[in-house]
Amino acid sequence: MEIKVDMGERSYPIVIKNGLIDEIGGCISSLGLEGKAAVVTNSLVGGLYGEKVVEGLMSAGLDPVLIKVPDGEEYKTLKEASVIYDGLIEHRMERSSAIIALGGGVIGDMAGFVAATYLRGVPYVQIPTTLLAQVDSSIGGKTAVNHPKGKNLIGSFYQPKAVFIDPQVLSTLDPVEVRAGLAEVVKYGVIQDGIFFKFLEENRDTLLQPGPELTRAIERSCEIKASIVSADEKESGLRSILNFGHTFGHAIESLTGYGRFKHGEAVSIGMCMASRLSVKIGFASPEAEERIRGLVSSLGLPAEPPDLSADDFIGSMRLDKKVANGRIRFVLVTDLGKVMLKEVDEKTLRGFFGEAEPAAMPPL
């Protein structure tokens, strides 16, 4: 299956095919890329697929080098990005040289950020190897590294030349990672397709391993994201709905040091919190919240937040990129398949957390 991300002259394909990684050399050369190339990956994915991708590139006439960085959200930093820059300089990469992101969301974000900034921009290609990356982070051109004060605060919108997705590589993925990716799949059903949400409910038992149901879930997720980012590349409107669950989720990741929860797990908790906030404000029915919570729980994903105070959450969320006019902006549910953006004030948030506003300081 091929899906188009339509951005005029910067349009690109998302190609989804079982066994695609065995054809990657021809896929890359079909984009008109040639000369030097850097395959950015980590030790685990590199050990599984690095040699195959490098050999494929060589057979297509390219001159590749493999650059490995540590795996984990805590390593998505400027410090580790500099390791990639060093490798590119050592390999004498030029403006026409391609960067190939081979890995999950961390690799894709970092490799894309480096591609956007090395020599003021070089072409790059996404080969996502986790479910989360296949359905979400590899599509749409968001590239970034984290800052100790917040997730993805340093980054750029920079589109890849193509995204090549092989569902079969998920057979080597830790089941915990598959579950984490399913959080983003559930998100698409909530924000835009109630029928797809029902499909996920009906097939929840078969989504945890590669097969036709999981492949269909990947395809529909990519279709939804491609249509949204094609209409709104830089999140000025519609694209903001993709942040459902992420405002709470990013705060959880930041407050727990990026190591306690996987991104998808934090988003899962965030979606449940956003659904509960939607009910409290009066936007959603309790039934919608119960179905969202029920689906993520049945997929083995967490639904309850860690023990953090309202001050912790609000302080972290105020650093989020989606804050506007001093108010924190949330994607809230109105019905399954329908959401809306809403700025929520601190008083309402503290009521949601069951805490009162801090008392005003007495006058001097």
Protein backbone atom coordinates (compact mmCIF):
# COMPACT_ATOMS: atom_id res chain seq x y z
CA MET A 1 0.00 0.00 0.00
CA GLU A 2 1.22 3.52 -0.76
CA ILE A 3 -0.14 6.63 0.94
CA LYS A 4 0.78 10.15 -0.14
CA VAL A 5 1.61 12.99 2.20
CA ASP A 6 0.56 15.87 -0.03
CA MET A 7 2.74 18.96 0.45
CA GLY A 8 3.16 20.16 -3.10
CA GLU A 9 6.77 19.84 -4.26
CA ARG A 10 7.70 18.43 -0.84
CA SER A 11 5.16 15.59 -1.07
CA TYR A 12 6.38 12.09 -0.26
CA PRO A 13 5.12 8.50 -0.13
CA ILE A 14 4.47 6.25 2.84
CA VAL A 15 5.03 2.74 1.50
CA ILE A 16 3.67 -0.16 3.59
CA LYS A 17 4.63 -3.67 2.53
CA ASN A 18 5.62 -6.91 4.23
CA GLY A 19 9.26 -7.74 3.49
CA LEU A 20 10.02 -4.20 2.33
CA ILE A 21 13.29 -4.04 4.27
CA ASP A 22 14.70 -6.70 1.91
CA GLU A 23 14.12 -4.30 -1.00
CA ILE A 24 15.39 -1.16 0.70
CA GLY A 25 18.28 -0.50 -1.70
CA GLY A 26 15.95 -0.23 -4.67
CA CYS A 27 13.51 1.86 -2.60
CA ILE A 28 16.22 4.40 -1.75
CA SER A 29 17.62 4.59 -5.28
CA SER A 30 14.09 5.09 -6.66
CA LEU A 31 14.06 8.42 -4.82
CA GLY A 32 17.01 9.62 -6.89
CA LEU A 33 19.39 9.46 -3.92
CA GLU A 34 22.99 8.53 -4.63
CA GLY A 35 26.51 8.93 -3.33
CA LYS A 36 27.24 8.89 0.40
CA ALA A 37 24.60 7.91 2.95
CA ALA A 38 24.49 7.53 6.73
CA VAL A 39 22.31 4.92 8.40
CA VAL A 40 21.53 6.18 11.92
CA THR A 41 20.40 3.46 14.30
CA ASN A 42 20.98 1.96 17.75
CA SER A 43 22.79 -1.21 18.79
CA LEU A 44 19.67 -3.39 19.01
CA VAL A 45 18.10 -2.43 15.68
CA GLY A 46 21.52 -2.15 14.06
CA GLY A 47 22.27 -5.71 15.10
CA LEU A 48 19.02 -6.94 13.56
CA TYR A 49 18.78 -4.93 10.37
CA GLY A 50 21.80 -2.62 10.05
CA GLU A 51 23.92 -4.94 7.92
CA LYS A 52 20.96 -5.77 5.67
CA VAL A 53 20.22 -2.09 5.05
CA VAL A 54 23.87 -1.21 4.46
CA GLU A 55 24.26 -4.09 2.00
CA GLY A 56 21.06 -3.02 0.25
CA LEU A 57 22.37 0.52 -0.14
CA MET A 58 25.71 -0.72 -1.44
CA SER A 59 23.98 -2.94 -3.99
CA ALA A 60 22.10 0.16 -5.17
CA GLY A 61 25.41 1.96 -5.71
CA LEU A 62 25.45 4.13 -2.58
CA ASP A 63 28.37 4.57 -0.18
CA PRO A 64 26.85 4.01 3.30
CA VAL A 65 28.19 4.33 6.83
CA LEU A 66 26.49 3.00 9.98
CA ILE A 67 26.22 5.42 12.93
CA LYS A 68 24.95 4.03 16.23
CA VAL A 69 23.63 6.03 19.18
CA PRO A 70 22.21 4.77 22.50
CA ASP A 71 18.55 3.76 22.64
CA GLY A 72 16.05 5.42 24.96
CA GLU A 73 14.21 8.74 25.35
CA GLU A 74 16.77 9.86 27.92
CA TYR A 75 19.41 9.84 25.14
CA LYS A 76 17.44 12.08 22.76
CA THR A 77 19.69 15.03 23.54
CA LEU A 78 21.97 17.54 21.86
CA LYS A 79 24.90 15.60 23.31
CA GLU A 80 23.96 12.42 21.47
CA ALA A 81 23.01 14.39 18.34
CA SER A 82 26.62 15.61 18.28
CA VAL A 83 27.72 11.97 17.92
CA ILE A 84 25.74 11.81 14.69
CA TYR A 85 27.20 15.12 13.47
CA ASP A 86 30.70 13.76 14.18
CA GLY A 87 29.97 10.67 12.09
CA LEU A 88 28.63 12.72 9.19
CA ILE A 89 31.68 14.97 9.18
CA GLU A 90 34.05 12.01 9.44
CA HIS A 91 32.29 10.35 6.48
CA ARG A 92 32.50 13.66 4.55
CA MET A 93 28.77 13.82 3.98
CA GLU A 94 27.65 16.45 1.48
CA ARG A 95 24.39 18.35 0.93
CA SER A 96 23.17 15.69 -1.49
CA SER A 97 24.07 12.86 0.92
CA ALA A 98 21.15 11.08 2.58
CA ILE A 99 20.52 10.24 6.21
CA ILE A 100 18.55 7.03 6.76
CA ALA A 101 16.73 6.78 10.11
CA LEU A 102 16.57 3.07 11.01
CA GLY A 103 14.82 2.60 14.33
CA GLY A 104 12.03 3.84 16.54
CA GLY A 105 10.81 7.29 17.43
CA VAL A 106 13.97 8.39 19.24
CA ILE A 107 16.16 7.51 16.25
CA GLY A 108 13.73 9.08 13.81
CA ASP A 109 13.44 12.32 15.77
CA MET A 110 17.19 12.67 16.27
CA ALA A 111 18.18 11.68 12.73
CA GLY A 112 15.56 14.04 11.32
CA PHE A 113 16.76 16.90 13.53
CA VAL A 114 20.34 16.32 12.43
CA ALA A 115 19.24 16.12 8.77
CA ALA A 116 17.42 19.44 9.14
CA THR A 117 20.47 21.18 10.58
CA TYR A 118 23.56 19.52 9.05
CA LEU A 119 24.80 21.75 6.20
CA ARG A 120 21.46 23.61 6.63
CA GLY A 121 19.56 20.55 5.48
CA VAL A 122 20.24 17.21 3.79
CA PRO A 123 17.71 14.63 2.52
CA TYR A 124 16.57 11.91 4.87
CA VAL A 125 14.43 8.79 4.79
CA GLN A 126 12.51 7.09 7.58
CA ILE A 127 12.60 3.30 8.05
CA PRO A 128 10.63 2.96 11.30
CA THR A 129 11.06 -0.33 13.16
CA THR A 130 8.67 0.17 16.08
CA LEU A 131 4.89 0.31 15.87
CA LEU A 132 4.82 3.76 17.45
CA ALA A 133 7.23 5.12 14.87
CA GLN A 134 5.43 3.41 11.99
CA VAL A 135 2.04 4.92 12.81
CA ASP A 136 3.08 8.27 14.23
CA SER A 137 6.52 9.78 14.69
CA SER A 138 7.97 8.88 11.27
CA ILE A 139 5.20 10.81 9.48
CA GLY A 140 4.77 14.56 9.36
CA GLY A 141 8.26 16.00 9.67
CA LYS A 142 8.44 16.75 13.39
CA THR A 143 12.10 16.41 14.39
CA ALA A 144 13.51 17.25 17.80
CA VAL A 145 15.68 16.54 20.79
CA ASN A 146 14.67 16.94 24.42
CA HIS A 147 15.76 19.51 26.98
CA PRO A 148 15.90 18.75 30.73
CA LYS A 149 13.01 21.19 31.17
CA GLY A 150 10.76 19.61 28.57
CA LYS A 151 10.24 17.12 25.77
CA ASN A 152 10.97 18.09 22.15
CA LEU A 153 11.66 21.73 22.99
CA ILE A 154 14.53 21.95 20.45
CA GLY A 155 13.52 20.94 16.95
CA SER A 156 12.31 21.70 13.48
CA PHE A 157 9.62 20.78 10.96
CA TYR A 158 11.55 18.94 8.26
CA GLN A 159 9.92 16.44 5.92
CA PRO A 160 11.51 13.13 4.86
CA LYS A 161 11.85 12.04 1.25
CA ALA A 162 9.86 8.88 2.02
CA VAL A 163 8.72 6.58 4.81
CA PHE A 164 9.22 2.85 4.24
CA ILE A 165 7.23 0.62 6.60
CA ASP A 166 7.70 -3.14 6.87
CA PRO A 167 5.14 -4.59 9.33
CA GLN A 168 7.13 -7.84 9.47
CA VAL A 169 9.94 -6.20 11.46
CA LEU A 170 7.50 -5.96 14.37
CA SER A 171 7.94 -9.71 14.87
CA THR A 172 11.29 -8.93 16.54
CA LEU A 173 9.82 -6.13 18.67
CA ASP A 174 9.38 -6.52 22.42
CA PRO A 175 5.63 -6.94 23.16
CA VAL A 176 5.92 -4.00 25.57
CA GLU A 177 6.91 -1.82 22.61
CA VAL A 178 4.00 -3.13 20.53
CA ARG A 179 1.60 -2.14 23.31
CA ALA A 180 3.20 1.29 23.55
CA GLY A 181 2.66 1.80 19.82
CA LEU A 182 -0.97 0.76 20.08
CA ALA A 183 -1.59 3.81 22.27
CA GLU A 184 -1.03 6.03 19.23
CA VAL A 185 -3.25 3.73 17.12
CA VAL A 186 -6.07 4.13 19.65
CA LYS A 187 -5.54 7.90 19.48
CA TYR A 188 -6.44 7.96 15.78
CA GLY A 189 -9.74 6.25 16.45
CA VAL A 190 -10.59 8.73 19.19
CA ILE A 191 -9.69 11.88 17.27
CA GLN A 192 -11.14 11.14 13.83
CA ASP A 193 -12.65 7.72 13.18
CA GLY A 194 -15.18 6.15 15.52
CA ILE A 195 -15.59 3.17 13.16
CA PHE A 196 -11.86 2.52 13.37
CA PHE A 197 -12.09 2.75 17.18
CA LYS A 198 -14.77 0.03 17.10
CA PHE A 199 -12.51 -2.08 14.83
CA LEU A 200 -9.80 -1.82 17.48
CA GLU A 201 -12.26 -2.86 20.21
CA GLU A 202 -13.37 -5.86 18.18
CA ASN A 203 -9.82 -6.97 17.33
CA ARG A 204 -8.02 -6.10 20.56
CA ASP A 205 -6.92 -9.72 21.06
CA THR A 206 -5.18 -9.96 17.66
CA LEU A 207 -3.45 -6.58 17.61
CA LEU A 208 -0.53 -7.61 19.79
CA GLN A 209 1.27 -9.57 17.08
CA PRO A 210 1.92 -9.08 13.34
CA GLY A 211 -1.01 -10.14 11.17
CA PRO A 212 -3.70 -8.72 8.90
CA GLU A 213 -5.47 -6.88 11.72
CA LEU A 214 -2.31 -5.11 12.88
CA THR A 215 -1.34 -4.29 9.29
CA ARG A 216 -4.79 -2.78 8.73
CA ALA A 217 -4.40 -0.76 11.92
CA ILE A 218 -1.05 0.56 10.66
CA GLU A 219 -2.51 1.46 7.27
CA ARG A 220 -5.54 3.30 8.68
CA SER A 221 -3.40 5.15 11.23
CA CYS A 222 -1.03 6.31 8.48
CA GLU A 223 -3.98 7.38 6.29
CA ILE A 224 -5.38 9.53 9.09
CA LYS A 225 -2.05 11.12 10.00
CA ALA A 226 -1.13 11.76 6.35
CA SER A 227 -4.44 13.55 5.72
CA ILE A 228 -4.03 15.72 8.82
CA VAL A 229 -0.41 16.78 8.25
CA SER A 230 -1.10 17.38 4.55
CA ALA A 231 -3.75 19.90 5.57
CA ASP A 232 -1.73 21.50 8.39
CA GLU A 233 2.02 20.94 8.29
CA LYS A 234 3.08 23.20 11.14
CA GLU A 235 0.28 22.69 13.64
CA SER A 236 -1.51 25.98 13.15
CA GLY A 237 -4.91 24.35 13.45
CA LEU A 238 -6.11 20.85 12.56
CA ARG A 239 -2.80 19.10 13.29
CA SER A 240 -3.15 20.05 16.95
CA ILE A 241 -5.69 17.25 17.41
CA LEU A 242 -2.81 14.78 17.04
CA ASN A 243 -1.73 15.94 20.51
CA PHE A 244 -4.64 14.14 22.18
CA GLY A 245 -3.24 12.70 25.41
CA HIS A 246 0.17 14.26 24.79
CA THR A 247 -0.09 17.34 27.04
CA PHE A 248 -0.56 15.17 30.11
CA GLY A 249 1.69 12.48 28.64
CA HIS A 250 4.65 14.77 27.98
CA ALA A 251 4.38 16.12 31.53
CA ILE A 252 4.48 12.58 32.90
CA GLU A 253 7.57 11.76 30.83
CA SER A 254 9.37 14.94 31.87
CA LEU A 255 8.48 14.65 35.56
CA THR A 256 9.58 11.00 35.73
CA GLY A 257 12.88 11.53 33.92
CA TYR A 258 11.99 10.01 30.54
CA GLY A 259 12.84 6.53 31.79
CA ARG A 260 9.95 5.26 33.90
CA PHE A 261 7.35 5.26 31.14
CA LYS A 262 7.65 4.60 27.45
CA HIS A 263 6.21 7.38 25.29
CA GLY A 264 3.18 5.31 24.33
CA GLU A 265 2.53 4.39 27.95
CA ALA A 266 2.62 8.05 28.97
CA VAL A 267 0.26 8.91 26.08
CA SER A 268 -2.07 6.12 27.18
CA ILE A 269 -2.30 7.63 30.66
CA GLY A 270 -2.62 11.08 29.09
CA MET A 271 -5.54 9.99 26.91
CA CYS A 272 -7.37 8.63 29.93
CA MET A 273 -6.72 11.85 31.85
CA ALA A 274 -7.85 14.01 28.91
CA SER A 275 -10.99 11.88 28.57
CA ARG A 276 -11.75 12.30 32.26
CA LEU A 277 -11.17 16.06 31.99
CA SER A 278 -13.54 16.10 28.99
CA VAL A 279 -16.26 14.51 31.12
CA LYS A 280 -15.61 16.84 34.05
CA ILE A 281 -15.94 19.93 31.86
CA GLY A 282 -19.09 18.52 30.27
CA PHE A 283 -17.83 17.83 26.74
CA ALA A 284 -17.92 14.02 26.73
CA SER A 285 -20.18 11.33 28.10
CA PRO A 286 -18.95 8.96 30.81
CA GLU A 287 -19.50 6.13 28.31
CA ALA A 288 -16.90 7.56 25.92
CA GLU A 289 -14.36 7.80 28.75
CA GLU A 290 -15.15 4.25 29.86
CA ARG A 291 -14.65 2.86 26.34
CA ILE A 292 -11.31 4.64 25.93
CA ARG A 293 -10.11 3.49 29.34
CA GLY A 294 -11.43 -0.01 28.70
CA LEU A 295 -9.65 -0.36 25.35
CA VAL A 296 -6.23 0.86 26.52
CA SER A 297 -6.45 -1.28 29.67
CA SER A 298 -7.38 -4.39 27.65
CA LEU A 299 -4.30 -3.79 25.48
CA GLY A 300 -2.11 -3.91 28.58
CA LEU A 301 -1.50 -0.16 28.71
CA PRO A 302 -1.54 1.93 31.90
CA ALA A 303 -4.54 4.18 32.58
CA GLU A 304 -3.70 5.82 35.90
CA PRO A 305 -1.13 8.61 36.42
CA PRO A 306 1.83 8.29 38.78
CA ASP A 307 1.69 9.99 42.15
CA LEU A 308 2.35 13.58 41.11
CA SER A 309 0.79 16.75 42.49
CA ALA A 310 -1.27 19.35 40.67
CA ASP A 311 1.68 21.73 41.07
CA ASP A 312 3.94 19.17 39.37
CA PHE A 313 1.61 18.69 36.43
CA ILE A 314 0.69 22.34 35.95
CA GLY A 315 4.28 23.54 36.27
CA SER A 316 5.46 21.04 33.65
CA MET A 317 2.55 21.63 31.28
CA ARG A 318 3.17 25.38 31.33
CA LEU A 319 6.45 24.66 29.51
CA ASP A 320 4.57 22.76 26.81
CA LYS A 321 4.71 24.14 23.27
CA LYS A 322 0.90 24.20 23.17
CA VAL A 323 0.45 26.81 25.92
CA ALA A 324 -1.38 29.92 24.62
CA ASN A 325 -2.11 33.16 26.46
CA GLY A 326 -0.95 31.67 29.74
CA ARG A 327 -3.55 28.90 29.49
CA ILE A 328 -2.81 25.27 28.81
CA ARG A 329 -4.45 23.98 25.64
CA PHE A 330 -5.87 20.46 25.59
CA VAL A 331 -7.40 18.20 22.98
CA LEU A 332 -10.68 17.11 24.58
CA VAL A 333 -13.16 14.44 23.52
CA THR A 334 -16.68 15.30 22.47
CA ASP A 335 -17.49 11.83 21.10
CA LEU A 336 -15.52 8.85 19.81
CA GLY A 337 -14.10 10.10 16.53
CA LYS A 338 -14.55 13.76 17.44
CA VAL A 339 -12.38 16.10 19.50
CA MET A 340 -11.91 19.82 20.04
CA LEU A 341 -9.20 22.18 21.28
CA LYS A 342 -9.86 23.93 24.57
CA GLU A 343 -7.79 26.27 26.70
CA VAL A 344 -8.21 25.33 30.35
CA ASP A 345 -7.42 27.72 33.19
CA GLU A 346 -5.53 26.81 36.34
CA LYS A 347 -8.58 26.89 38.61
CA THR A 348 -10.35 24.30 36.48
CA LEU A 349 -7.24 22.15 36.34
CA ARG A 350 -6.78 22.24 40.10
CA GLY A 351 -10.40 21.21 40.51
CA PHE A 352 -9.74 18.32 38.13
CA PHE A 353 -6.81 17.20 40.29
CA GLY A 354 -8.92 17.62 43.42
CA GLU A 355 -6.84 20.47 44.77
CA ALA A 356 -7.80 24.06 45.54
CA GLU A 357 -5.92 27.06 44.18
CA PRO A 358 -3.04 28.22 46.39
CA ALA A 359 -4.14 30.87 48.86
CA ALA A 360 -3.17 34.43 47.96
CA MET A 361 -0.31 35.93 49.92
CA PRO A 362 -1.52 38.40 52.57
CA PRO A 363 -0.69 42.06 51.87
CA LEU A 364 2.42 43.44 53.50
